[in-house]
Structure formats: C-alpha cells, structure tokens
C-alpha cells in the first residue's frame, strides 16, 4: 500500500503530531507513505520539514504561491504518478481542496481526516464551508470525534462515508522524560501547565480568570502556558489586568514536549471546543493528573474522578475548584495520572490508530471502482 499524505502546516500542532505518529506507525506496518507538505508563499513550513527529514521519511514540498494556484494541483498529480500512489489522504481544508482536484484527474481514491474547523474569521468560515462541500465527494471522511462526524453528516456528506477514528500518539518519548521547565517554578510552589495554540478556542482567558482565587491558597503556584498564536498579546494584557504576571509565564513554542509535560504537577485544558486534543493525550501519556473541559472527544479520555477531573467549558468556579482539589491531594493526583497513562497505552497509541487507518485504506482501495457504494464503516 502506498499512501500520499498531504497537509498545509505552519508549525508542529495537534494535526501535525497526529500525522507524524501515523506516518511512523504505518511504516512499521509496511505501508509506504509519502508526506506532501505545502510550501506556502506566506506561511513558513520548515518545522515539520525539519522534524521529518531528520527521521529519513519521504517528503515532497508542494509549492503554493497563493490562494488559487493550479500548478499546485499539477504538483500533487506528479507525486501520485511518481510514487504510484494507491490512496491520497488529506488533512485540512487546503489539502482537501487541492488533493481532491488532483486525485479526481488521476482516478485515485481519496480519504480526508477532519481534525477541527476553525471559524474565528469570516475567511475561515468561508473555507470551512467550501471544505464541507468538497468532502461530500470523498471516498471516505474520517472525523477525530463524534461531534465532528455529526457535523460532517449534517453538512451533506453521506453517513456511510463518515467514520470516526480516534487520534493516537507515539508513546515511546513519554516513558521517562526529564522535566525541562522547572526553572520557572516560583519558590517551592506547584506548577500548573497547559499546552496549545494561543487562540480563542483553547479558552486560556478562562484559565487566567481562575488563577487569582487559586493564588489565594497557593501564592507560590506557577502557571505555564506553552504555545504561540494570535491571542498572545491579548492574553498577556489580561494577565496584567488580573495582576497575576508574577505567577504566569508564557513559555512560547517548545519542541521537547515530553519534558515539558513532565515539568507540570497538574495539566489543565480549558478549551471551549475541541476534536480529540493531542495535548491531552500527551499529558495523559506522561501520567500527569489533568483537569479538562467537557468538550469534543475529551470525555472519551477524561473519566471524571478516574483519569482526571472534568468541568464544563467557561465555568471559572468549577475550573478553580478542580485545580484546587488536585493541588491539595497528591495521592489522588498520582492515581489519576497512572490511570490516564494506562488508558492511553491501551487505546490511543499511534500503532492502534495506524492499524485502523490501514484497514480503512484497504477497504477504500477495494471499493473505489464501485463508486464507494459498498464501503463498510465498522473499522
């Protein structure tokens, strides 16, 4: 089986981490993968290029000079022909649109994974709408959560072409990481950490509003926010307004993620919307106790009181209470972390995810000639 994976990337975020784990694990299953990464005029794609080149994986830069570039379709067709590709697998609206145009001409089966539609601007809402229309014509569309699957069906894709496959991660780097952010610790206080793009979806403003009440009981607590995004300036201004800057550190982007998670005493995910967050999987894999909001596929990972604590999105008092509970109960926190690690090992490894995708590829390839009419969806 030869698969061309396509993504437009500006950094190593959730979709990129999922894809990198999938590519590595597919190789172990004797599935040859070529990774096509858009080389956009206005977006730097070097992080994913550099990371995967170092691993000896087959990479193909896909030049894209603007919003509409027909030469990009030609480049993808060349990749399909050069590597005798059996399946094209796209990730994100840009990859979906260009990948579909190329695969249609080559009569190559095409699969998409829908990670999450961001609609924070008018342009992104338009792209999401276009993507939903294009996905109706794919052989199969994979959603990373049931909420996303339902949205895909509601937007017009036939239900028999929509399948949910949970994200998975490569567990090997998370076995014995060395904490790398402990120098940020204030005195002897605990470190509460979170990881994600600094965008509205992640709900970091609700976390900041929860901090003053926590500091009243743990004045030496340190809150580390790891990541970058267009909300960075606004969030820093909010921290100043709340007078919590001495206890809050915006760490920026990091590449040593297992060591980052190992630095936290508690991991918090205050998102207002999610698919299946890779950051949460990584925190659980590092045996961190977690507090997370009940959004997207999060409840499949955080069983309240067993693998972490769940709160409702935007509920600041509940977020405060859950964090205080874990900070005040070391034994409970340790037990939750151990249970979370076990859950990820059993159900959310990259190997398990890759097996499910490979099974799907095989079915799509077999049924493509019949116009997708007999694809089973119980992978």
Foldseek 3Di string as FASTA:
>chain_A
DEEEEEEEDQACFFVNQLVVLLQVLVVVVVYQYEYEYEPEPPGDPVHSVVVVVVVVHHYDYQYDDDPDDVVSLVSLLVVCVVVVHQEYEYEDLVRLVSVLSNCVVVLHAYEYEYWDQDDPDPVSVVSVLVSLVSVLQHLAYEYQFVVVLVVSVVSPRPNQRYAYFHGFGALVLQPDAAADPLVLFQDPFFEEEEEHELDVQQQVLLVLVLPVVLCVVTVRYAYEYEEYYDCVVVSVVSNVVVVNVSRYDDPYYDDSVSNNLLRHQEYEGQGQEGARGPRVLSNLLNLFAYEYEDYHCVCVQDPDQQQHHYDHHPPSVVVNVRVNVCSVDVVSRNRNSVRSSVVSVVGRHSNNSNVVVVVQSVQSSVCSVVSSPDRGHPD
